[in-house]
Structure formats: C-alpha cells, structure tokens
Amino acid sequence: MLSRTAENLYWLARYVERAENMARLLDVTIRMAGLFPHQAGSNEWHSTLIAAGCANGFYAKHEDATPAAVIHYMTRDPDNSSSILSCLETARRNSRAVRTALTADMWEAVNSTWLEARVLQEAEFATESVHRFLDWVKERSRLFDGAVVGTMLRNDACWFTRLGTFIERADSTARLIDVKYHVLLPEYESVGGAADYHQWAAILRSVSALRAYHWVYRDRIKPWLIAELLILRPETPRSLIACLGEIMLNLDLLAQNYGRRNECHRLAGQMHAKLRFERIDQIFQGGLHEFLTGFINANIELGNEISRQYLS
C-alpha cells in the first residue's frame, strides 16, 4: 500500500474518533454544569479545554471560559483544527483522497455526516440545545466504526484505519481521567462529597461505562476503582489496556504482512506490558497524574513512530 493511502486512512479514523471524543467531553461538561449550576463557574469549562488540548488556542481568542464560548470553540470554530466540524471536514477530505480504499458504507457514513453538518443552523449550537448535536455526532461516529468493523476487508487498509481509531481513543481516555483527578473537583468540595460522586459518575457516562462499572464491581462509585476500570481492565472497550491491545494486534498484522518489525512495535509492546503488570495501588502510590502524563507522552511517541515507519 502507498504510504499516502495509509496516512489518509489512519487520519480519517483519528479525526472521526476525535470528533466523537470532543462530543463526549462537551456532553459530560454540560451534565455537570447542570447538576451544580451554582458551583460550576468556569471551572468545568476550563477543565474541558485542558482535556481536549485546546486551552492555549482558546485563550488566545477568549478571555474567559464561558459556556457559549467553549461550546462554539469546540464544536465549530474554524480556527480550531480539533473542533467537531473541523474534524468532520478533515475526515471527509481524507476519505475523498482514498475513496477506492473505502467500502460504500464507510464512504456513505463520512460523506452523509459532512453534508448534514454543513446545513446545521445556529440554533443547533445553543447551550440549551447543543446536546442533540452532540448525540448526533456520537451516533455518526458509531456508524462509521460499525462500517469499518462490518464491511472492510481484513487487510492493511483495515489495520491502518483501526490503528488511527485506537491511538486517538487511548489519548482521549488518559486525558479525561487526568483532568478529572486534578481539575474537576472544586477546592472546597471534599473527596467523596456529593459533587465528587456526580463528577466521577459523569466521567463514566462520558465513556459509556457507568453500567459496566456497576457490573464489574457491584459497589458504590470509588475513584480508584474507576481509574482501574478505565486504565487496567481489558473488558472495558475504552480502557487504556484495551486500546493498547488493539494497537498491538493491528501492528502485529502489519508486521506479518510486510515482513518486518520496527520501533513502533517495540514501543507498543513496552506500553502494553507495563499496563498488564501494573496494579492500581502502585499507580496511585507513584502518582496518577505522573502515570497518565507518562502514558500520554508515550502514546504521542508511538503515533510519531507509526507515522515515521509507515506513513512517511
């Protein structure tokens, strides 16, 4: 496969996944702001910008993290390359470049999403109604993901597409946990208090894991168990170890197909092994923030190595 084709497939999947992750972040922020409107202030919205990696760009244009400003910047600001509409536009541009490598269902999922997004009205992005738009984005992303899983040949085109999805998903999950642990809980709210409980529940909802948590642990919500679920439990589709497992699988398939292994394979194996043999109490003893920061940096390095070995 041409490296340019592989690159377009990889980034097509990353941008579709990023659009969904942005929608999930905004959705959980709106939920929390609605639960504690007298406490929320700009803290929830500021933390969302940090989790999305958009804080620097946002504050270059805006003085305060108001709900309307954050929603506009993260949903449709053309100056933000990670805004939802920017992600959908970039995904469609990548899909057009590799139209013949996509199945009809994949192309239809991306193209129809962009065509519908282009005609959205101003009212769709208002603070009180944007949740409908966010639900639509998540639905369209799942449609694309289902088309990939259900209709793509299991060849290198599929493997590069899946790599993009899981590299992006791992980054999003790690950032979400890190921001909750350090930013979301108000200074005056004790750990274990009402706000803390609902914030952690909102985090679980943002990754569609609230029911999974109660199924696995059959216990009340505890921060360390949530961290374990989203970091170390392979049963959870968006956990870090589940994402690394999928990355390892697709890299191994590429290595078999092309007859060689590279630095990206070593890095992925190292990251996966560390997660397999970690315990949540050890992670907390060493510092959850430090662990997640290390993971995010390693994931960025892994993405760079994949680009260097296959996409350049």
C-alpha atoms as a PDB file:
ATOM      1  CA  MET A   1       0.000   0.000   0.000  1.00  0.00           C
ATOM      2  CA  LEU A   2       1.227   3.518  -0.772  1.00  0.00           C
ATOM      3  CA  SER A   3       2.248   5.432   2.351  1.00  0.00           C
ATOM      4  CA  ARG A   4      -0.031   8.308   1.312  1.00  0.00           C
ATOM      5  CA  THR A   5      -3.042   5.984   1.212  1.00  0.00           C
ATOM      6  CA  ALA A   6      -2.134   4.511   4.607  1.00  0.00           C
ATOM      7  CA  GLU A   7      -1.747   8.017   6.036  1.00  0.00           C
ATOM      8  CA  ASN A   8      -5.166   9.137   4.792  1.00  0.00           C
ATOM      9  CA  LEU A   9      -6.859   6.056   6.232  1.00  0.00           C
ATOM     10  CA  TYR A  10      -5.057   6.460   9.554  1.00  0.00           C
ATOM     11  CA  TRP A  11      -6.007  10.126   9.918  1.00  0.00           C
ATOM     12  CA  LEU A  12      -9.536   9.573   8.635  1.00  0.00           C
ATOM     13  CA  ALA A  13     -10.103   7.232  11.574  1.00  0.00           C
ATOM     14  CA  ARG A  14      -8.348   9.544  14.030  1.00  0.00           C
ATOM     15  CA  TYR A  15     -10.473  12.553  13.097  1.00  0.00           C
ATOM     16  CA  VAL A  16     -13.755  10.640  13.235  1.00  0.00           C
ATOM     17  CA  GLU A  17     -12.764   9.347  16.675  1.00  0.00           C
ATOM     18  CA  ARG A  18     -11.641  12.822  17.765  1.00  0.00           C
ATOM     19  CA  ALA A  19     -14.998  14.318  16.777  1.00  0.00           C
ATOM     20  CA  GLU A  20     -16.745  11.726  18.962  1.00  0.00           C
ATOM     21  CA  ASN A  21     -14.362  12.331  21.863  1.00  0.00           C
ATOM     22  CA  MET A  22     -14.967  16.083  21.670  1.00  0.00           C
ATOM     23  CA  ALA A  23     -18.703  15.411  21.752  1.00  0.00           C
ATOM     24  CA  ARG A  24     -18.313  13.163  24.791  1.00  0.00           C
ATOM     25  CA  LEU A  25     -16.220  15.761  26.636  1.00  0.00           C
ATOM     26  CA  LEU A  26     -18.723  18.508  25.989  1.00  0.00           C
ATOM     27  CA  ASP A  27     -21.633  16.274  26.929  1.00  0.00           C
ATOM     28  CA  VAL A  28     -20.175  15.446  30.339  1.00  0.00           C
ATOM     29  CA  THR A  29     -19.367  19.123  30.963  1.00  0.00           C
ATOM     30  CA  ILE A  30     -22.930  20.183  30.196  1.00  0.00           C
ATOM     31  CA  ARG A  31     -24.244  17.457  32.506  1.00  0.00           C
ATOM     32  CA  MET A  32     -22.014  18.632  35.353  1.00  0.00           C
ATOM     33  CA  ALA A  33     -22.810  22.294  34.831  1.00  0.00           C
ATOM     34  CA  GLY A  34     -26.498  21.401  35.013  1.00  0.00           C
ATOM     35  CA  LEU A  35     -26.085  19.364  38.202  1.00  0.00           C
ATOM     36  CA  PHE A  36     -24.224  22.089  40.093  1.00  0.00           C
ATOM     37  CA  PRO A  37     -25.009  25.391  38.369  1.00  0.00           C
ATOM     38  CA  HIS A  38     -24.193  27.426  41.497  1.00  0.00           C
ATOM     39  CA  GLN A  39     -20.727  25.843  41.757  1.00  0.00           C
ATOM     40  CA  ALA A  40     -19.725  25.289  38.155  1.00  0.00           C
ATOM     41  CA  GLY A  41     -18.484  28.766  37.255  1.00  0.00           C
ATOM     42  CA  SER A  42     -15.829  28.423  34.584  1.00  0.00           C
ATOM     43  CA  ASN A  43     -14.039  25.507  36.255  1.00  0.00           C
ATOM     44  CA  GLU A  44     -15.872  22.748  34.403  1.00  0.00           C
ATOM     45  CA  TRP A  45     -15.480  24.513  31.073  1.00  0.00           C
ATOM     46  CA  HIS A  46     -11.813  25.291  31.676  1.00  0.00           C
ATOM     47  CA  SER A  47     -11.119  21.646  32.538  1.00  0.00           C
ATOM     48  CA  THR A  48     -12.802  20.555  29.308  1.00  0.00           C
ATOM     49  CA  LEU A  49     -10.470  22.761  27.291  1.00  0.00           C
ATOM     50  CA  ILE A  50      -7.479  21.203  29.070  1.00  0.00           C
ATOM     51  CA  ALA A  51      -8.740  17.662  28.456  1.00  0.00           C
ATOM     52  CA  ALA A  52      -9.274  18.441  24.776  1.00  0.00           C
ATOM     53  CA  GLY A  53      -5.827  20.014  24.435  1.00  0.00           C
ATOM     54  CA  CYS A  54      -7.471  23.241  23.258  1.00  0.00           C
ATOM     55  CA  ALA A  55      -6.721  25.596  26.145  1.00  0.00           C
ATOM     56  CA  ASN A  56      -3.893  27.577  24.519  1.00  0.00           C
ATOM     57  CA  GLY A  57      -5.778  28.191  21.303  1.00  0.00           C
ATOM     58  CA  PHE A  58      -8.968  29.099  23.155  1.00  0.00           C
ATOM     59  CA  TYR A  59      -7.378  31.653  25.491  1.00  0.00           C
ATOM     60  CA  ALA A  60      -5.584  33.265  22.573  1.00  0.00           C
ATOM     61  CA  LYS A  61      -9.049  34.266  21.351  1.00  0.00           C
ATOM     62  CA  HIS A  62     -11.132  34.460  24.541  1.00  0.00           C
ATOM     63  CA  GLU A  63     -10.577  35.906  27.976  1.00  0.00           C
ATOM     64  CA  ASP A  64     -12.923  33.661  29.969  1.00  0.00           C
ATOM     65  CA  ALA A  65     -14.130  30.075  29.587  1.00  0.00           C
ATOM     66  CA  THR A  66     -17.851  30.846  29.345  1.00  0.00           C
ATOM     67  CA  PRO A  67     -20.234  28.061  28.257  1.00  0.00           C
ATOM     68  CA  ALA A  68     -21.156  29.732  24.964  1.00  0.00           C
ATOM     69  CA  ALA A  69     -17.533  30.474  24.054  1.00  0.00           C
ATOM     70  CA  VAL A  70     -16.276  26.965  24.864  1.00  0.00           C
ATOM     71  CA  ILE A  71     -19.149  25.301  23.017  1.00  0.00           C
ATOM     72  CA  HIS A  72     -18.539  27.457  19.944  1.00  0.00           C
ATOM     73  CA  TYR A  73     -14.777  26.833  20.006  1.00  0.00           C
ATOM     74  CA  MET A  74     -15.076  23.071  20.448  1.00  0.00           C
ATOM     75  CA  THR A  75     -17.961  22.473  18.068  1.00  0.00           C
ATOM     76  CA  ARG A  76     -17.484  24.736  15.062  1.00  0.00           C
ATOM     77  CA  ASP A  77     -14.717  27.329  15.342  1.00  0.00           C
ATOM     78  CA  PRO A  78     -12.786  27.100  12.022  1.00  0.00           C
ATOM     79  CA  ASP A  79      -9.627  28.311  13.802  1.00  0.00           C
ATOM     80  CA  ASN A  80      -9.686  25.192  15.985  1.00  0.00           C
ATOM     81  CA  SER A  81      -8.468  22.231  13.935  1.00  0.00           C
ATOM     82  CA  SER A  82      -9.878  19.900  16.613  1.00  0.00           C
ATOM     83  CA  SER A  83     -13.382  21.372  16.691  1.00  0.00           C
ATOM     84  CA  ILE A  84     -16.070  18.862  15.818  1.00  0.00           C
ATOM     85  CA  LEU A  85     -16.937  20.414  12.454  1.00  0.00           C
ATOM     86  CA  SER A  86     -13.240  20.800  11.593  1.00  0.00           C
ATOM     87  CA  CYS A  87     -12.698  17.119  12.420  1.00  0.00           C
ATOM     88  CA  LEU A  88     -15.623  16.075  10.232  1.00  0.00           C
ATOM     89  CA  GLU A  89     -14.373  18.227   7.369  1.00  0.00           C
ATOM     90  CA  THR A  90     -10.835  16.833   7.631  1.00  0.00           C
ATOM     91  CA  ALA A  91     -12.187  13.283   7.859  1.00  0.00           C
ATOM     92  CA  ARG A  92     -14.176  13.784   4.650  1.00  0.00           C
ATOM     93  CA  ARG A  93     -11.164  15.294   2.905  1.00  0.00           C
ATOM     94  CA  ASN A  94      -9.084  12.256   3.842  1.00  0.00           C
ATOM     95  CA  SER A  95     -11.845   9.878   2.767  1.00  0.00           C
ATOM     96  CA  ARG A  96     -12.127  11.533  -0.659  1.00  0.00           C
ATOM     97  CA  ALA A  97      -8.403  11.043  -1.179  1.00  0.00           C
ATOM     98  CA  VAL A  98      -8.761   7.280  -0.630  1.00  0.00           C
ATOM     99  CA  ARG A  99     -12.279   6.762  -1.949  1.00  0.00           C
ATOM    100  CA  THR A 100     -11.398   3.496  -3.695  1.00  0.00           C
ATOM    101  CA  ALA A 101      -9.911   2.047  -0.485  1.00  0.00           C
ATOM    102  CA  LEU A 102     -13.185   2.546   1.408  1.00  0.00           C
ATOM    103  CA  THR A 103     -16.283   0.406   1.355  1.00  0.00           C
ATOM    104  CA  ALA A 104     -19.515   2.005   0.188  1.00  0.00           C
ATOM    105  CA  ASP A 105     -20.814   2.012   3.770  1.00  0.00           C
ATOM    106  CA  MET A 106     -17.702   3.781   5.083  1.00  0.00           C
ATOM    107  CA  TRP A 107     -17.868   6.462   2.411  1.00  0.00           C
ATOM    108  CA  GLU A 108     -21.585   6.991   2.960  1.00  0.00           C
ATOM    109  CA  ALA A 109     -21.091   7.325   6.726  1.00  0.00           C
ATOM    110  CA  VAL A 110     -18.425  10.020   6.332  1.00  0.00           C
ATOM    111  CA  ASN A 111     -19.928  11.851   3.367  1.00  0.00           C
ATOM    112  CA  SER A 112     -23.510  11.989   4.629  1.00  0.00           C
ATOM    113  CA  THR A 113     -22.278  13.158   8.035  1.00  0.00           C
ATOM    114  CA  TRP A 114     -20.431  16.069   6.465  1.00  0.00           C
ATOM    115  CA  LEU A 115     -23.342  17.001   4.189  1.00  0.00           C
ATOM    116  CA  GLU A 116     -25.728  17.053   7.155  1.00  0.00           C
ATOM    117  CA  ALA A 117     -23.250  19.018   9.282  1.00  0.00           C
ATOM    118  CA  ARG A 118     -22.943  21.728   6.620  1.00  0.00           C
ATOM    119  CA  VAL A 119     -26.618  22.683   6.850  1.00  0.00           C
ATOM    120  CA  LEU A 120     -26.898  22.826  10.633  1.00  0.00           C
ATOM    121  CA  GLN A 121     -28.459  26.037  11.873  1.00  0.00           C
ATOM    122  CA  GLU A 122     -27.156  28.445  14.515  1.00  0.00           C
ATOM    123  CA  ALA A 123     -29.794  27.271  16.998  1.00  0.00           C
ATOM    124  CA  GLU A 124     -28.350  23.732  16.956  1.00  0.00           C
ATOM    125  CA  PHE A 125     -25.248  25.004  18.796  1.00  0.00           C
ATOM    126  CA  ALA A 126     -27.003  26.994  21.522  1.00  0.00           C
ATOM    127  CA  THR A 127     -26.089  25.958  25.068  1.00  0.00           C
ATOM    128  CA  GLU A 128     -29.577  24.684  25.839  1.00  0.00           C
ATOM    129  CA  SER A 129     -29.914  22.591  22.654  1.00  0.00           C
ATOM    130  CA  VAL A 130     -26.375  21.527  21.708  1.00  0.00           C
ATOM    131  CA  HIS A 131     -26.819  18.151  23.437  1.00  0.00           C
ATOM    132  CA  ARG A 132     -28.873  16.992  20.429  1.00  0.00           C
ATOM    133  CA  PHE A 133     -25.985  17.835  18.123  1.00  0.00           C
ATOM    134  CA  LEU A 134     -23.520  16.002  20.409  1.00  0.00           C
ATOM    135  CA  ASP A 135     -25.698  12.895  20.446  1.00  0.00           C
ATOM    136  CA  TRP A 136     -25.858  13.043  16.650  1.00  0.00           C
ATOM    137  CA  VAL A 137     -22.049  13.242  16.396  1.00  0.00           C
ATOM    138  CA  LYS A 138     -21.617  10.207  18.649  1.00  0.00           C
ATOM    139  CA  GLU A 139     -24.202   8.310  16.617  1.00  0.00           C
ATOM    140  CA  ARG A 140     -22.463   9.135  13.321  1.00  0.00           C
ATOM    141  CA  SER A 141     -19.078   8.091  14.703  1.00  0.00           C
ATOM    142  CA  ARG A 142     -20.508   4.758  15.808  1.00  0.00           C
ATOM    143  CA  LEU A 143     -21.994   4.358  12.327  1.00  0.00           C
ATOM    144  CA  PHE A 144     -18.545   4.811  10.772  1.00  0.00           C
ATOM    145  CA  ASP A 145     -16.935   2.454  13.288  1.00  0.00           C
ATOM    146  CA  GLY A 146     -19.577  -0.170  12.575  1.00  0.00           C
ATOM    147  CA  ALA A 147     -18.996   0.192   8.836  1.00  0.00           C
ATOM    148  CA  VAL A 148     -15.260  -0.388   9.346  1.00  0.00           C
ATOM    149  CA  VAL A 149     -15.773  -3.471  11.508  1.00  0.00           C
ATOM    150  CA  GLY A 150     -18.624  -4.895   9.475  1.00  0.00           C
ATOM    151  CA  THR A 151     -17.639  -4.230   5.860  1.00  0.00           C
ATOM    152  CA  MET A 152     -13.861  -3.770   5.479  1.00  0.00           C
ATOM    153  CA  LEU A 153     -11.577  -6.498   4.196  1.00  0.00           C
ATOM    154  CA  ARG A 154      -9.102  -7.603   6.849  1.00  0.00           C
ATOM    155  CA  ASN A 155      -6.050  -6.246   5.075  1.00  0.00           C
ATOM    156  CA  ASP A 156      -3.561  -3.435   5.591  1.00  0.00           C
ATOM    157  CA  ALA A 157      -6.176  -0.777   4.794  1.00  0.00           C
ATOM    158  CA  CYS A 158      -8.280  -2.030   7.696  1.00  0.00           C
ATOM    159  CA  TRP A 159      -5.287  -2.291  10.042  1.00  0.00           C
ATOM    160  CA  PHE A 160      -4.147   1.300   9.423  1.00  0.00           C
ATOM    161  CA  THR A 161      -7.714   2.519   9.954  1.00  0.00           C
ATOM    162  CA  ARG A 162      -8.015   0.676  13.268  1.00  0.00           C
ATOM    163  CA  LEU A 163      -4.629   1.956  14.412  1.00  0.00           C
ATOM    164  CA  GLY A 164      -5.849   5.530  13.980  1.00  0.00           C
ATOM    165  CA  THR A 165      -9.001   4.835  15.982  1.00  0.00           C
ATOM    166  CA  PHE A 166      -7.249   3.302  18.982  1.00  0.00           C
ATOM    167  CA  ILE A 167      -4.295   5.711  19.139  1.00  0.00           C
ATOM    168  CA  GLU A 168      -6.817   8.563  19.338  1.00  0.00           C
ATOM    169  CA  ARG A 169      -9.085   6.757  21.802  1.00  0.00           C
ATOM    170  CA  ALA A 170      -6.245   5.949  24.195  1.00  0.00           C
ATOM    171  CA  ASP A 171      -5.131   9.584  24.235  1.00  0.00           C
ATOM    172  CA  SER A 172      -8.667  10.796  24.943  1.00  0.00           C
ATOM    173  CA  THR A 173      -9.278   8.360  27.818  1.00  0.00           C
ATOM    174  CA  ALA A 174      -5.979   9.211  29.513  1.00  0.00           C
ATOM    175  CA  ARG A 175      -6.622  12.950  29.279  1.00  0.00           C
ATOM    176  CA  LEU A 176     -10.143  12.569  30.624  1.00  0.00           C
ATOM    177  CA  ILE A 177      -9.017  10.670  33.742  1.00  0.00           C
ATOM    178  CA  ASP A 178      -6.127  13.053  34.373  1.00  0.00           C
ATOM    179  CA  VAL A 179      -8.239  16.193  34.173  1.00  0.00           C
ATOM    180  CA  LYS A 180     -10.908  14.780  36.496  1.00  0.00           C
ATOM    181  CA  TYR A 181      -8.367  13.844  39.112  1.00  0.00           C
ATOM    182  CA  HIS A 182      -6.611  17.217  39.142  1.00  0.00           C
ATOM    183  CA  VAL A 183      -9.061  19.837  37.931  1.00  0.00           C
ATOM    184  CA  LEU A 184     -12.735  18.965  38.131  1.00  0.00           C
ATOM    185  CA  LEU A 185     -13.174  18.586  41.888  1.00  0.00           C
ATOM    186  CA  PRO A 186     -13.703  22.062  43.406  1.00  0.00           C
ATOM    187  CA  GLU A 187     -11.215  23.011  46.107  1.00  0.00           C
ATOM    188  CA  TYR A 188     -13.927  23.423  48.700  1.00  0.00           C
ATOM    189  CA  GLU A 189     -15.556  20.053  47.952  1.00  0.00           C
ATOM    190  CA  SER A 190     -14.185  17.148  49.955  1.00  0.00           C
ATOM    191  CA  VAL A 191     -13.290  13.922  48.180  1.00  0.00           C
ATOM    192  CA  GLY A 192     -16.275  11.628  48.460  1.00  0.00           C
ATOM    193  CA  GLY A 193     -18.738  14.512  48.654  1.00  0.00           C
ATOM    194  CA  ALA A 194     -21.818  14.978  46.501  1.00  0.00           C
ATOM    195  CA  ALA A 195     -20.046  16.913  43.747  1.00  0.00           C
ATOM    196  CA  ASP A 196     -17.200  14.410  43.667  1.00  0.00           C
ATOM    197  CA  TYR A 197     -19.611  11.469  43.320  1.00  0.00           C
ATOM    198  CA  HIS A 198     -21.572  13.032  40.475  1.00  0.00           C
ATOM    199  CA  GLN A 199     -18.433  14.160  38.661  1.00  0.00           C
ATOM    200  CA  TRP A 200     -16.994  10.643  38.669  1.00  0.00           C
ATOM    201  CA  ALA A 201     -20.362   9.262  37.549  1.00  0.00           C
ATOM    202  CA  ALA A 202     -20.368  11.798  34.739  1.00  0.00           C
ATOM    203  CA  ILE A 203     -16.892  10.664  33.690  1.00  0.00           C
ATOM    204  CA  LEU A 204     -18.171   7.079  33.483  1.00  0.00           C
ATOM    205  CA  ARG A 205     -21.143   8.229  31.416  1.00  0.00           C
ATOM    206  CA  SER A 206     -18.838  10.142  29.079  1.00  0.00           C
ATOM    207  CA  VAL A 207     -17.161   6.859  28.092  1.00  0.00           C
ATOM    208  CA  SER A 208     -20.411   4.846  28.289  1.00  0.00           C
ATOM    209  CA  ALA A 209     -19.069   2.836  31.227  1.00  0.00           C
ATOM    210  CA  LEU A 210     -21.385   3.585  34.151  1.00  0.00           C
ATOM    211  CA  ARG A 211     -23.339   0.346  33.796  1.00  0.00           C
ATOM    212  CA  ALA A 212     -20.108  -1.557  33.149  1.00  0.00           C
ATOM    213  CA  TYR A 213     -18.666  -0.194  36.396  1.00  0.00           C
ATOM    214  CA  HIS A 214     -21.569  -1.489  38.473  1.00  0.00           C
ATOM    215  CA  TRP A 215     -21.489  -4.814  36.617  1.00  0.00           C
ATOM    216  CA  VAL A 216     -17.781  -5.340  37.301  1.00  0.00           C
ATOM    217  CA  TYR A 217     -17.511  -4.003  40.863  1.00  0.00           C
ATOM    218  CA  ARG A 218     -21.053  -4.125  42.270  1.00  0.00           C
ATOM    219  CA  ASP A 219     -20.043  -1.318  44.596  1.00  0.00           C
ATOM    220  CA  ARG A 220     -20.632   2.385  45.043  1.00  0.00           C
ATOM    221  CA  ILE A 221     -18.557   4.724  42.923  1.00  0.00           C
ATOM    222  CA  LYS A 222     -14.953   4.931  44.145  1.00  0.00           C
ATOM    223  CA  PRO A 223     -12.296   6.978  42.318  1.00  0.00           C
ATOM    224  CA  TRP A 224      -9.596   4.271  42.459  1.00  0.00           C
ATOM    225  CA  LEU A 225     -11.961   1.648  41.045  1.00  0.00           C
ATOM    226  CA  ILE A 226     -12.965   3.974  38.226  1.00  0.00           C
ATOM    227  CA  ALA A 227      -9.295   4.574  37.472  1.00  0.00           C
ATOM    228  CA  GLU A 228      -8.713   0.818  37.454  1.00  0.00           C
ATOM    229  CA  LEU A 229     -11.681   0.253  35.120  1.00  0.00           C
ATOM    230  CA  LEU A 230     -10.509   2.867  32.637  1.00  0.00           C
ATOM    231  CA  ILE A 231      -6.806   2.028  32.812  1.00  0.00           C
ATOM    232  CA  LEU A 232      -6.267  -1.657  33.591  1.00  0.00           C
ATOM    233  CA  ARG A 233      -9.464  -3.595  32.775  1.00  0.00           C
ATOM    234  CA  PRO A 234      -9.297  -5.097  29.256  1.00  0.00           C
ATOM    235  CA  GLU A 235     -13.064  -5.771  29.316  1.00  0.00           C
ATOM    236  CA  THR A 236     -13.691  -2.015  29.039  1.00  0.00           C
ATOM    237  CA  PRO A 237     -13.558  -1.039  25.327  1.00  0.00           C
ATOM    238  CA  ARG A 238     -12.174   2.445  26.017  1.00  0.00           C
ATOM    239  CA  SER A 239      -9.678   1.493  28.718  1.00  0.00           C
ATOM    240  CA  LEU A 240      -6.011   2.179  28.092  1.00  0.00           C
ATOM    241  CA  ILE A 241      -5.085  -1.501  28.132  1.00  0.00           C
ATOM    242  CA  ALA A 242      -7.908  -2.396  25.719  1.00  0.00           C
ATOM    243  CA  CYS A 243      -6.740   0.300  23.296  1.00  0.00           C
ATOM    244  CA  LEU A 244      -3.121  -0.896  23.549  1.00  0.00           C
ATOM    245  CA  GLY A 245      -4.269  -4.463  22.959  1.00  0.00           C
ATOM    246  CA  GLU A 246      -5.932  -3.403  19.704  1.00  0.00           C
ATOM    247  CA  ILE A 247      -2.901  -1.352  18.689  1.00  0.00           C
ATOM    248  CA  MET A 248      -0.635  -4.357  19.324  1.00  0.00           C
ATOM    249  CA  LEU A 249      -2.927  -6.628  17.302  1.00  0.00           C
ATOM    250  CA  ASN A 250      -3.004  -4.364  14.261  1.00  0.00           C
ATOM    251  CA  LEU A 251       0.720  -3.638  14.386  1.00  0.00           C
ATOM    252  CA  ASP A 252       1.421  -7.377  14.545  1.00  0.00           C
ATOM    253  CA  LEU A 253      -0.776  -7.925  11.485  1.00  0.00           C
ATOM    254  CA  LEU A 254       1.112  -5.205   9.623  1.00  0.00           C
ATOM    255  CA  ALA A 255       4.440  -6.772  10.643  1.00  0.00           C
ATOM    256  CA  GLN A 256       3.320 -10.155   9.303  1.00  0.00           C
ATOM    257  CA  ASN A 257       2.065  -8.564   6.095  1.00  0.00           C
ATOM    258  CA  TYR A 258       5.202  -6.502   5.404  1.00  0.00           C
ATOM    259  CA  GLY A 259       7.694  -8.979   6.842  1.00  0.00           C
ATOM    260  CA  ARG A 260       9.415  -6.703   9.335  1.00  0.00           C
ATOM    261  CA  ARG A 261       9.034  -5.161  12.773  1.00  0.00           C
ATOM    262  CA  ASN A 262      10.038  -1.620  13.689  1.00  0.00           C
ATOM    263  CA  GLU A 263      10.475   0.698  16.656  1.00  0.00           C
ATOM    264  CA  CYS A 264       6.726   1.281  16.874  1.00  0.00           C
ATOM    265  CA  HIS A 265       6.223  -2.431  17.594  1.00  0.00           C
ATOM    266  CA  ARG A 266       8.722  -2.286  20.439  1.00  0.00           C
ATOM    267  CA  LEU A 267       7.117   0.816  21.946  1.00  0.00           C
ATOM    268  CA  ALA A 268       3.606  -0.633  21.729  1.00  0.00           C
ATOM    269  CA  GLY A 269       4.771  -3.873  23.348  1.00  0.00           C
ATOM    270  CA  GLN A 270       6.505  -1.973  26.130  1.00  0.00           C
ATOM    271  CA  MET A 271       3.409   0.142  26.845  1.00  0.00           C
ATOM    272  CA  HIS A 272       1.103  -2.876  26.785  1.00  0.00           C
ATOM    273  CA  ALA A 273       3.353  -4.913  29.092  1.00  0.00           C
ATOM    274  CA  LYS A 274       3.509  -2.064  31.601  1.00  0.00           C
ATOM    275  CA  LEU A 275      -0.282  -1.908  31.747  1.00  0.00           C
ATOM    276  CA  ARG A 276      -0.625  -5.695  32.013  1.00  0.00           C
ATOM    277  CA  PHE A 277       1.593  -5.919  35.082  1.00  0.00           C
ATOM    278  CA  GLU A 278       0.578  -2.690  36.856  1.00  0.00           C
ATOM    279  CA  ARG A 279      -1.694  -2.565  39.894  1.00  0.00           C
ATOM    280  CA  ILE A 280      -3.895   0.387  40.651  1.00  0.00           C
ATOM    281  CA  ASP A 281      -2.488   0.836  44.162  1.00  0.00           C
ATOM    282  CA  GLN A 282       1.028   1.097  42.702  1.00  0.00           C
ATOM    283  CA  ILE A 283      -0.179   3.666  40.179  1.00  0.00           C
ATOM    284  CA  PHE A 284      -1.684   5.822  42.930  1.00  0.00           C
ATOM    285  CA  GLN A 285       1.414   5.475  45.103  1.00  0.00           C
ATOM    286  CA  GLY A 286       3.589   6.693  42.265  1.00  0.00           C
ATOM    287  CA  GLY A 287       1.119   9.439  41.337  1.00  0.00           C
ATOM    288  CA  LEU A 288      -1.834   9.059  38.997  1.00  0.00           C
ATOM    289  CA  HIS A 289      -1.033  12.324  37.222  1.00  0.00           C
ATOM    290  CA  GLU A 290       2.566  11.263  36.636  1.00  0.00           C
ATOM    291  CA  PHE A 291       1.443   7.879  35.324  1.00  0.00           C
ATOM    292  CA  LEU A 292      -1.088   9.379  32.916  1.00  0.00           C
ATOM    293  CA  THR A 293       1.301  12.090  31.739  1.00  0.00           C
ATOM    294  CA  GLY A 294       3.871   9.396  31.006  1.00  0.00           C
ATOM    295  CA  PHE A 295       1.272   7.382  29.110  1.00  0.00           C
ATOM    296  CA  ILE A 296       0.119  10.374  27.033  1.00  0.00           C
ATOM    297  CA  ASN A 297       3.701  11.221  26.094  1.00  0.00           C
ATOM    298  CA  ALA A 298       4.444   7.581  25.223  1.00  0.00           C
ATOM    299  CA  ASN A 299       1.266   7.417  23.119  1.00  0.00           C
ATOM    300  CA  ILE A 300       2.318  10.542  21.222  1.00  0.00           C
ATOM    301  CA  GLU A 301       5.744   8.994  20.635  1.00  0.00           C
ATOM    302  CA  LEU A 302       4.086   5.782  19.451  1.00  0.00           C
ATOM    303  CA  GLY A 303       1.942   7.740  16.980  1.00  0.00           C
ATOM    304  CA  ASN A 304       5.049   9.524  15.716  1.00  0.00           C
ATOM    305  CA  GLU A 305       6.869   6.221  15.231  1.00  0.00           C
ATOM    306  CA  ILE A 306       3.917   4.728  13.340  1.00  0.00           C
ATOM    307  CA  SER A 307       3.969   7.779  11.059  1.00  0.00           C
ATOM    308  CA  ARG A 308       7.729   7.528  10.630  1.00  0.00           C
ATOM    309  CA  GLN A 309       7.725   3.818   9.792  1.00  0.00           C
ATOM    310  CA  TYR A 310       4.582   3.520   7.671  1.00  0.00           C
ATOM    311  CA  LEU A 311       3.097   6.884   6.730  1.00  0.00           C
ATOM    312  CA  SER A 312       6.042   8.981   5.538  1.00  0.00           C
END
